[in-house]
Amino acid sequence: MSDRRANSKADSSASDSPEDPELEDLLDELETLEDTVDDPEEREQVRETMRVARRVSTPRAFGRVIRGFDRHDAAEAAVGSIVFGVPMLVEGGTLEVGAFLATHPLALVGTLVGTVAVVVGVLYVAEIQQVEIHQPFFGLVPRRLAGVLGISFATAVVLMTGWGRVEWTDPWLAVCQTAVTFAPMALGGALGDILPGS
């Protein structure tokens, strides 16, 4: 038990998260329970519970736990998209890059994949906030990810069209030019959604 306790403290110091007395008491009780459990599967469940308790107690950059995706989150994502997207709308280079992507489909695919990767990184990897995946679509696609990407793309289409930046008489070119605007809008949507005070 003392070895486990030493490992527990090492894990805690490795994550630079000081444990509070309530967490210490909980871990003590779980270690006692672990000693009394004979079944290997049940023992592993107790250990997993201990790991989860440590992870949950680790302070995040801003200390919020974000779960679900509602109208409030959608509005934040839309505002973030607009803030990041407006400079792209008025920049002439956006149309030039879109024209390049229209003739280089692999570059378009790379742009879209990179955009999704950046949004996933902001939402789930960077740990700006603790974002939980709640009731994903089809058991796979996180609602927040789908919401941020969908809102950002729709905002890009509406603004690019409304401001006369794209002509839908050539749909492929219009989609490619919109994709260029969509990339920073998706980043802005992700940040707008999870940053505190938004």
Protein backbone atom coordinates (compact mmCIF):
# COMPACT_ATOMS: atom_id res chain seq x y z
CA MET A 1 0.00 0.00 0.00
CA SER A 2 2.86 2.38 0.77
CA ASP A 3 4.27 1.79 -2.74
CA ARG A 4 0.89 2.70 -4.22
CA ARG A 5 0.76 5.77 -2.03
CA ALA A 6 4.21 6.82 -3.21
CA ASN A 7 3.11 6.30 -6.80
CA SER A 8 -0.03 8.28 -6.08
CA LYS A 9 2.01 11.21 -4.77
CA ALA A 10 4.41 10.94 -7.70
CA ASP A 11 1.48 11.06 -10.14
CA SER A 12 0.12 14.09 -8.32
CA SER A 13 3.42 15.97 -8.34
CA ALA A 14 4.00 15.03 -11.96
CA SER A 15 0.81 16.82 -12.91
CA ASP A 16 1.73 19.83 -10.70
CA SER A 17 -1.69 19.73 -9.10
CA PRO A 18 -1.71 19.99 -5.31
CA GLU A 19 -4.26 17.62 -3.87
CA ASP A 20 -6.82 19.00 -1.46
CA PRO A 21 -7.68 17.26 1.82
CA GLU A 22 -11.03 15.96 0.53
CA LEU A 23 -9.33 14.35 -2.45
CA GLU A 24 -6.71 12.84 -0.13
CA ASP A 25 -9.48 11.34 2.02
CA LEU A 26 -11.23 9.96 -1.06
CA LEU A 27 -8.00 8.41 -2.35
CA ASP A 28 -7.30 6.89 1.08
CA GLU A 29 -10.75 5.28 1.07
CA LEU A 30 -10.31 4.00 -2.47
CA GLU A 31 -6.92 2.50 -1.58
CA THR A 32 -8.48 0.76 1.38
CA LEU A 33 -11.21 -0.55 -0.89
CA GLU A 34 -8.59 -1.71 -3.39
CA ASP A 35 -6.90 -3.78 -0.66
CA THR A 36 -10.16 -5.52 0.21
CA VAL A 37 -11.19 -6.37 -3.37
CA ASP A 38 -10.16 -9.82 -4.58
CA ASP A 39 -11.43 -9.79 -8.15
CA PRO A 40 -8.81 -8.36 -10.61
CA GLU A 41 -11.48 -6.62 -12.70
CA GLU A 42 -12.98 -4.92 -9.67
CA ARG A 43 -9.51 -3.92 -8.47
CA GLU A 44 -8.84 -2.34 -11.88
CA GLN A 45 -12.16 -0.46 -11.62
CA VAL A 46 -11.08 0.96 -8.28
CA ARG A 47 -7.75 2.02 -9.77
CA GLU A 48 -9.53 3.65 -12.72
CA THR A 49 -11.76 5.52 -10.28
CA MET A 50 -8.64 6.79 -8.52
CA ARG A 51 -7.18 7.98 -11.83
CA VAL A 52 -10.43 9.75 -12.72
CA ALA A 53 -10.54 11.42 -9.30
CA ARG A 54 -7.03 12.79 -9.82
CA ARG A 55 -7.82 13.92 -13.35
CA VAL A 56 -11.03 15.69 -12.31
CA SER A 57 -9.21 17.44 -9.49
CA THR A 58 -6.53 18.78 -11.83
CA PRO A 59 -7.20 22.49 -12.31
CA ARG A 60 -7.72 23.61 -15.90
CA ALA A 61 -6.51 26.90 -17.32
CA PHE A 62 -9.76 28.65 -16.43
CA GLY A 63 -11.46 26.07 -14.24
CA ARG A 64 -14.72 25.51 -16.12
CA VAL A 65 -16.20 22.17 -17.10
CA ILE A 66 -18.07 22.48 -20.39
CA ARG A 67 -20.68 19.88 -21.26
CA GLY A 68 -23.34 19.74 -23.94
CA PHE A 69 -23.96 22.28 -26.70
CA ASP A 70 -27.00 24.57 -26.48
CA ARG A 71 -28.26 27.82 -28.05
CA HIS A 72 -25.98 29.88 -25.83
CA ASP A 73 -22.95 27.91 -27.08
CA ALA A 74 -24.16 28.25 -30.67
CA ALA A 75 -24.43 32.03 -30.28
CA GLU A 76 -20.91 32.20 -28.82
CA ALA A 77 -19.56 30.14 -31.72
CA ALA A 78 -21.30 32.44 -34.22
CA VAL A 79 -19.86 35.57 -32.59
CA GLY A 80 -16.37 34.06 -32.53
CA SER A 81 -16.72 33.09 -36.18
CA ILE A 82 -17.72 36.59 -37.20
CA VAL A 83 -14.92 38.24 -35.20
CA PHE A 84 -12.29 36.03 -36.86
CA GLY A 85 -13.98 35.95 -40.25
CA VAL A 86 -14.63 39.61 -41.03
CA PRO A 87 -10.96 40.37 -41.77
CA MET A 88 -10.96 37.45 -44.23
CA LEU A 89 -14.10 38.76 -45.92
CA VAL A 90 -12.55 42.10 -46.77
CA GLU A 91 -9.14 40.69 -47.71
CA GLY A 92 -8.60 40.22 -51.45
CA GLY A 93 -6.13 37.41 -50.86
CA THR A 94 -9.00 35.23 -49.67
CA LEU A 95 -10.39 35.03 -53.19
CA GLU A 96 -6.97 34.36 -54.67
CA VAL A 97 -6.30 31.49 -52.27
CA GLY A 98 -9.79 30.12 -53.01
CA ALA A 99 -9.04 30.22 -56.74
CA PHE A 100 -5.82 28.30 -56.08
CA LEU A 101 -7.68 25.67 -54.03
CA ALA A 102 -10.22 25.30 -56.84
CA THR A 103 -7.45 24.08 -59.14
CA HIS A 104 -5.69 22.03 -56.44
CA PRO A 105 -8.27 19.72 -54.78
CA LEU A 106 -5.68 18.08 -52.52
CA ALA A 107 -4.83 21.48 -51.09
CA LEU A 108 -8.54 22.03 -50.43
CA VAL A 109 -8.78 18.68 -48.64
CA GLY A 110 -5.68 19.56 -46.62
CA THR A 111 -7.18 22.91 -45.69
CA LEU A 112 -10.43 21.34 -44.50
CA VAL A 113 -8.69 18.52 -42.61
CA GLY A 114 -6.33 21.03 -41.02
CA THR A 115 -9.26 23.21 -40.00
CA VAL A 116 -11.02 20.30 -38.31
CA ALA A 117 -7.76 19.29 -36.60
CA VAL A 118 -7.22 22.81 -35.24
CA VAL A 119 -10.78 22.94 -33.88
CA VAL A 120 -10.39 19.52 -32.26
CA GLY A 121 -7.11 20.71 -30.76
CA VAL A 122 -8.66 23.86 -29.31
CA LEU A 123 -11.73 22.09 -27.94
CA TYR A 124 -10.32 18.81 -26.68
CA VAL A 125 -6.53 18.74 -26.67
CA ALA A 126 -5.22 22.14 -25.55
CA GLU A 127 -7.29 21.96 -22.33
CA ILE A 128 -8.12 25.65 -22.37
CA GLN A 129 -11.24 24.41 -20.62
CA GLN A 130 -12.30 20.93 -19.59
CA VAL A 131 -14.63 20.06 -22.46
CA GLU A 132 -16.59 16.85 -22.04
CA ILE A 133 -18.05 14.90 -24.94
CA HIS A 134 -21.75 14.53 -24.21
CA GLN A 135 -24.17 12.43 -26.30
CA PRO A 136 -22.17 12.43 -29.56
CA PHE A 137 -24.01 12.10 -32.85
CA PHE A 138 -24.08 8.45 -33.99
CA GLY A 139 -21.95 7.69 -30.93
CA LEU A 140 -18.90 9.20 -32.67
CA VAL A 141 -19.18 12.87 -33.60
CA PRO A 142 -19.08 15.26 -30.62
CA ARG A 143 -22.01 17.69 -30.65
CA ARG A 144 -19.78 20.65 -29.81
CA LEU A 145 -17.40 19.86 -32.68
CA ALA A 146 -20.27 19.45 -35.15
CA GLY A 147 -21.92 22.62 -33.84
CA VAL A 148 -18.83 24.79 -34.06
CA LEU A 149 -17.91 23.54 -37.54
CA GLY A 150 -21.48 23.75 -38.85
CA ILE A 151 -22.11 27.24 -37.50
CA SER A 152 -18.75 28.49 -38.75
CA PHE A 153 -19.31 27.13 -42.25
CA ALA A 154 -22.88 28.45 -42.41
CA THR A 155 -21.68 31.87 -41.23
CA ALA A 156 -18.95 31.85 -43.88
CA VAL A 157 -21.46 30.99 -46.62
CA VAL A 158 -23.95 33.65 -45.52
CA LEU A 159 -21.39 36.43 -45.15
CA MET A 160 -19.43 35.60 -48.29
CA THR A 161 -22.68 35.54 -50.26
CA GLY A 162 -24.32 38.51 -48.55
CA TRP A 163 -21.28 40.73 -49.04
CA GLY A 164 -20.93 39.72 -52.69
CA ARG A 165 -17.56 38.04 -52.21
CA VAL A 166 -18.57 34.87 -54.07
CA GLU A 167 -20.67 34.17 -57.14
CA TRP A 168 -22.60 30.92 -56.97
CA THR A 169 -22.78 30.74 -60.78
CA ASP A 170 -19.50 28.81 -60.34
CA PRO A 171 -20.33 26.67 -57.29
CA TRP A 172 -16.94 24.92 -57.07
CA LEU A 173 -15.01 28.19 -56.99
CA ALA A 174 -17.49 29.65 -54.50
CA VAL A 175 -17.11 26.64 -52.18
CA CYS A 176 -13.31 26.84 -52.34
CA GLN A 177 -13.28 30.57 -51.62
CA THR A 178 -15.74 30.07 -48.78
CA ALA A 179 -13.51 27.31 -47.37
CA VAL A 180 -10.67 29.82 -47.04
CA THR A 181 -12.88 32.05 -44.91
CA PHE A 182 -14.25 29.06 -43.03
CA ALA A 183 -10.80 28.05 -41.69
CA PRO A 184 -10.24 31.07 -39.40
CA MET A 185 -13.97 31.29 -38.66
CA ALA A 186 -13.91 27.75 -37.26
CA LEU A 187 -10.98 28.64 -35.02
CA GLY A 188 -12.80 31.77 -33.88
CA GLY A 189 -15.97 29.76 -33.31
CA ALA A 190 -14.13 27.26 -31.11
CA LEU A 191 -12.44 29.96 -29.07
CA GLY A 192 -15.60 32.03 -28.77
CA ASP A 193 -17.48 28.98 -27.54
CA ILE A 194 -15.11 27.91 -24.76
CA LEU A 195 -13.31 31.02 -23.55
CA PRO A 196 -14.52 32.30 -20.17
CA GLY A 197 -16.67 35.36 -20.19
CA SER A 198 -17.96 34.54 -23.65
